[in-house]
Structure formats: C-alpha cells, structure tokens
Amino acid sequence: MRIEIRQQGGPNLSLPVPLSAAGARLIIRLAAKHGGPEAEQYAPFAAEMVRELRRYVQKNGHFTMVDIVDHEGTIVKITV
C-alpha cells in the first residue's frame, strides 16, 4: 500500500506501507486505544479487512482506494 500526499507550496510525502504491517495486531491495538470510539468499534474487523484486501490484490492486482483533491490543490492518494 502506498500513501501519497502532495501539497501546493509545501512538502510532499510518500509512504510505502506493507499490508502485513497494516494488519499487525500491535498496530490494530494501538489504533483502537488511541483512535477514539470509532477506531475501537472497528478494530475487531481490521485484521479480516486486511486479509480480504490481500486476497483481492492477489486476484485482481493493485487499485486506488482513495483519490482526493481539495480546493487548495492538495492531493491525497492511497493505492493498495
């Protein structure tokens, strides 16, 4: 998975994040603990969602999950 943030007149950021790291129990627990009530509610399903993403990518290839451009020209793109 790759997370890209591009800003007009600001620093750009590109982070490669392996799906195995996104589905790690430690990461899920930390997100549930510090992410607020919504994160705590969905934490039990996170590992299953990551597993399904891996299966989808193996079968169909990579895809863009999020592609947002705001009015100031900032771009946020998450590719799995």
N, C-alpha and C. Protein backbone atom coordinates (compact mmCIF):
# COMPACT_ATOMS: atom_id res chain seq x y z
N MET A 1 0.86 -1.15 0.00
CA MET A 1 0.00 0.00 0.00
C MET A 1 0.92 1.22 0.00
N ARG A 2 0.53 2.24 -0.74
CA ARG A 2 1.32 3.47 -0.79
C ARG A 2 0.39 4.65 -0.48
N ILE A 3 0.84 5.50 0.44
CA ILE A 3 0.10 6.70 0.81
C ILE A 3 0.89 7.89 0.31
N GLU A 4 0.25 8.72 -0.53
CA GLU A 4 0.91 9.90 -1.09
C GLU A 4 0.13 11.15 -0.73
N ILE A 5 0.85 12.18 -0.28
CA ILE A 5 0.25 13.48 0.00
C ILE A 5 1.09 14.52 -0.73
N ARG A 6 0.44 15.26 -1.61
CA ARG A 6 1.12 16.32 -2.37
C ARG A 6 0.45 17.64 -2.06
N GLN A 7 1.26 18.64 -1.71
CA GLN A 7 0.73 19.95 -1.35
C GLN A 7 1.27 21.02 -2.29
N GLN A 8 0.44 22.00 -2.56
CA GLN A 8 0.89 23.15 -3.33
C GLN A 8 1.75 24.02 -2.42
N GLY A 9 3.01 24.20 -2.77
CA GLY A 9 3.90 25.04 -1.99
C GLY A 9 4.32 24.46 -0.65
N GLY A 10 4.14 23.18 -0.45
CA GLY A 10 4.53 22.55 0.80
C GLY A 10 5.26 21.25 0.54
N PRO A 11 5.66 20.56 1.59
CA PRO A 11 6.37 19.30 1.39
C PRO A 11 5.45 18.19 0.90
N ASN A 12 5.99 17.32 0.06
CA ASN A 12 5.27 16.14 -0.41
C ASN A 12 5.69 14.95 0.42
N LEU A 13 4.79 14.00 0.58
CA LEU A 13 5.05 12.84 1.41
C LEU A 13 4.59 11.59 0.68
N SER A 14 5.43 10.57 0.66
CA SER A 14 5.08 9.30 0.05
C SER A 14 5.55 8.19 0.99
N LEU A 15 4.59 7.40 1.49
CA LEU A 15 4.90 6.35 2.45
C LEU A 15 4.50 4.99 1.92
N PRO A 16 5.44 4.07 1.73
CA PRO A 16 5.06 2.70 1.42
C PRO A 16 4.74 1.97 2.72
N VAL A 17 3.57 1.35 2.80
CA VAL A 17 3.15 0.62 4.00
C VAL A 17 2.75 -0.79 3.58
N PRO A 18 3.50 -1.81 3.98
CA PRO A 18 3.11 -3.18 3.62
C PRO A 18 1.78 -3.54 4.26
N LEU A 19 0.96 -4.29 3.55
CA LEU A 19 -0.33 -4.71 4.10
C LEU A 19 -0.14 -5.56 5.34
N SER A 20 0.97 -6.29 5.41
CA SER A 20 1.21 -7.09 6.61
C SER A 20 1.39 -6.21 7.84
N ALA A 21 1.99 -5.03 7.67
CA ALA A 21 2.15 -4.09 8.79
C ALA A 21 0.81 -3.47 9.17
N ALA A 22 -0.03 -3.19 8.17
CA ALA A 22 -1.34 -2.60 8.45
C ALA A 22 -2.23 -3.56 9.21
N GLY A 23 -2.04 -4.85 9.03
CA GLY A 23 -2.87 -5.85 9.71
C GLY A 23 -2.26 -6.41 10.97
N ALA A 24 -1.11 -5.88 11.38
CA ALA A 24 -0.44 -6.40 12.58
C ALA A 24 -1.28 -6.13 13.83
N ARG A 25 -1.31 -7.08 14.73
CA ARG A 25 -2.11 -6.95 15.95
C ARG A 25 -1.72 -5.73 16.77
N LEU A 26 -0.41 -5.45 16.85
CA LEU A 26 0.05 -4.31 17.62
C LEU A 26 -0.51 -3.01 17.05
N ILE A 27 -0.46 -2.85 15.75
CA ILE A 27 -0.97 -1.63 15.10
C ILE A 27 -2.47 -1.50 15.34
N ILE A 28 -3.19 -2.60 15.23
CA ILE A 28 -4.64 -2.57 15.42
C ILE A 28 -4.98 -2.19 16.86
N ARG A 29 -4.25 -2.77 17.83
CA ARG A 29 -4.49 -2.43 19.24
C ARG A 29 -4.19 -0.97 19.53
N LEU A 30 -3.07 -0.47 18.97
CA LEU A 30 -2.73 0.94 19.19
C LEU A 30 -3.77 1.87 18.58
N ALA A 31 -4.25 1.54 17.40
CA ALA A 31 -5.28 2.36 16.77
C ALA A 31 -6.57 2.34 17.58
N ALA A 32 -6.93 1.19 18.12
CA ALA A 32 -8.15 1.09 18.93
C ALA A 32 -8.02 1.90 20.22
N LYS A 33 -6.82 1.86 20.80
CA LYS A 33 -6.61 2.55 22.08
C LYS A 33 -6.56 4.07 21.92
N HIS A 34 -5.90 4.55 20.87
CA HIS A 34 -5.67 5.99 20.71
C HIS A 34 -6.51 6.63 19.62
N GLY A 35 -7.30 5.84 18.91
CA GLY A 35 -8.04 6.38 17.77
C GLY A 35 -9.44 6.84 18.07
N GLY A 36 -9.88 6.73 19.30
CA GLY A 36 -11.22 7.18 19.64
C GLY A 36 -12.23 6.06 19.57
N PRO A 37 -13.49 6.39 19.82
CA PRO A 37 -14.52 5.36 19.90
C PRO A 37 -14.79 4.65 18.57
N GLU A 38 -14.67 5.36 17.44
CA GLU A 38 -14.90 4.72 16.15
C GLU A 38 -13.84 3.68 15.86
N ALA A 39 -12.59 4.00 16.13
CA ALA A 39 -11.50 3.05 15.89
C ALA A 39 -11.64 1.84 16.80
N GLU A 40 -12.04 2.06 18.03
CA GLU A 40 -12.22 0.95 18.96
C GLU A 40 -13.35 0.03 18.51
N GLN A 41 -14.39 0.61 17.93
CA GLN A 41 -15.54 -0.17 17.46
C GLN A 41 -15.17 -1.07 16.29
N TYR A 42 -14.31 -0.58 15.37
CA TYR A 42 -13.99 -1.34 14.16
C TYR A 42 -12.71 -2.16 14.26
N ALA A 43 -11.97 -2.05 15.34
CA ALA A 43 -10.71 -2.78 15.50
C ALA A 43 -10.86 -4.29 15.36
N PRO A 44 -11.92 -4.91 15.89
CA PRO A 44 -12.03 -6.37 15.74
C PRO A 44 -12.14 -6.83 14.28
N PHE A 45 -12.56 -5.96 13.40
CA PHE A 45 -12.73 -6.32 11.99
C PHE A 45 -11.52 -5.96 11.13
N ALA A 46 -10.55 -5.24 11.69
CA ALA A 46 -9.43 -4.73 10.90
C ALA A 46 -8.59 -5.85 10.29
N ALA A 47 -8.25 -6.86 11.06
CA ALA A 47 -7.42 -7.95 10.54
C ALA A 47 -8.13 -8.66 9.39
N GLU A 48 -9.43 -8.87 9.53
CA GLU A 48 -10.19 -9.52 8.47
C GLU A 48 -10.24 -8.66 7.21
N MET A 49 -10.38 -7.35 7.38
CA MET A 49 -10.40 -6.44 6.22
C MET A 49 -9.07 -6.47 5.48
N VAL A 50 -7.97 -6.48 6.22
CA VAL A 50 -6.64 -6.53 5.60
C VAL A 50 -6.45 -7.85 4.86
N ARG A 51 -6.92 -8.95 5.44
CA ARG A 51 -6.85 -10.25 4.76
C ARG A 51 -7.61 -10.22 3.43
N GLU A 52 -8.79 -9.64 3.45
CA GLU A 52 -9.59 -9.54 2.22
C GLU A 52 -8.92 -8.65 1.19
N LEU A 53 -8.29 -7.57 1.63
CA LEU A 53 -7.54 -6.71 0.70
C LEU A 53 -6.41 -7.49 0.03
N ARG A 54 -5.68 -8.27 0.82
CA ARG A 54 -4.59 -9.08 0.25
C ARG A 54 -5.11 -10.05 -0.80
N ARG A 55 -6.21 -10.73 -0.49
CA ARG A 55 -6.80 -11.66 -1.46
C ARG A 55 -7.22 -10.95 -2.73
N TYR A 56 -7.82 -9.78 -2.60
CA TYR A 56 -8.27 -9.02 -3.76
C TYR A 56 -7.08 -8.62 -4.63
N VAL A 57 -6.02 -8.13 -4.00
CA VAL A 57 -4.83 -7.71 -4.75
C VAL A 57 -4.18 -8.90 -5.45
N GLN A 58 -4.13 -10.06 -4.80
CA GLN A 58 -3.55 -11.24 -5.44
C GLN A 58 -4.35 -11.65 -6.66
N LYS A 59 -5.66 -11.53 -6.58
CA LYS A 59 -6.54 -11.95 -7.67
C LYS A 59 -6.63 -10.91 -8.79
N ASN A 60 -6.77 -9.63 -8.42
CA ASN A 60 -7.10 -8.59 -9.39
C ASN A 60 -6.03 -7.53 -9.60
N GLY A 61 -5.00 -7.51 -8.80
CA GLY A 61 -3.95 -6.50 -8.93
C GLY A 61 -4.23 -5.28 -8.07
N HIS A 62 -3.31 -4.34 -8.10
CA HIS A 62 -3.38 -3.14 -7.27
C HIS A 62 -4.47 -2.20 -7.77
N PHE A 63 -4.97 -1.37 -6.87
CA PHE A 63 -6.02 -0.41 -7.21
C PHE A 63 -5.90 0.82 -6.32
N THR A 64 -6.53 1.92 -6.74
CA THR A 64 -6.54 3.14 -5.96
C THR A 64 -7.77 3.13 -5.06
N MET A 65 -7.53 3.21 -3.74
CA MET A 65 -8.62 3.17 -2.78
C MET A 65 -9.17 4.57 -2.51
N VAL A 66 -8.28 5.55 -2.40
CA VAL A 66 -8.67 6.93 -2.12
C VAL A 66 -7.92 7.84 -3.06
N ASP A 67 -8.63 8.80 -3.66
CA ASP A 67 -8.01 9.81 -4.52
C ASP A 67 -8.77 11.11 -4.32
N ILE A 68 -8.22 11.99 -3.49
CA ILE A 68 -8.90 13.23 -3.11
C ILE A 68 -8.05 14.42 -3.53
N VAL A 69 -8.72 15.42 -4.11
CA VAL A 69 -8.08 16.70 -4.44
C VAL A 69 -8.95 17.79 -3.81
N ASP A 70 -8.36 18.59 -2.91
CA ASP A 70 -9.17 19.65 -2.29
C ASP A 70 -9.07 20.95 -3.08
N HIS A 71 -9.79 21.96 -2.66
CA HIS A 71 -9.86 23.22 -3.39
C HIS A 71 -8.53 23.97 -3.42
N GLU A 72 -7.62 23.66 -2.51
CA GLU A 72 -6.31 24.32 -2.47
C GLU A 72 -5.27 23.58 -3.31
N GLY A 73 -5.63 22.46 -3.88
CA GLY A 73 -4.72 21.70 -4.72
C GLY A 73 -3.97 20.58 -4.01
N THR A 74 -4.26 20.33 -2.76
CA THR A 74 -3.64 19.23 -2.02
C THR A 74 -4.23 17.92 -2.49
N ILE A 75 -3.37 16.96 -2.75
CA ILE A 75 -3.80 15.65 -3.25
C ILE A 75 -3.45 14.59 -2.22
N VAL A 76 -4.42 13.74 -1.90
CA VAL A 76 -4.20 12.59 -1.03
C VAL A 76 -4.61 11.36 -1.83
N LYS A 77 -3.69 10.41 -1.97
CA LYS A 77 -3.94 9.22 -2.76
C LYS A 77 -3.44 8.00 -2.01
N ILE A 78 -4.30 7.00 -1.87
CA ILE A 78 -3.92 5.73 -1.23
C ILE A 78 -4.11 4.64 -2.26
N THR A 79 -3.02 3.97 -2.62
CA THR A 79 -3.03 2.89 -3.59
C THR A 79 -2.70 1.59 -2.87
N VAL A 80 -3.53 0.59 -3.10
CA VAL A 80 -3.31 -0.73 -2.49
C VAL A 80 -2.74 -1.64 -3.53
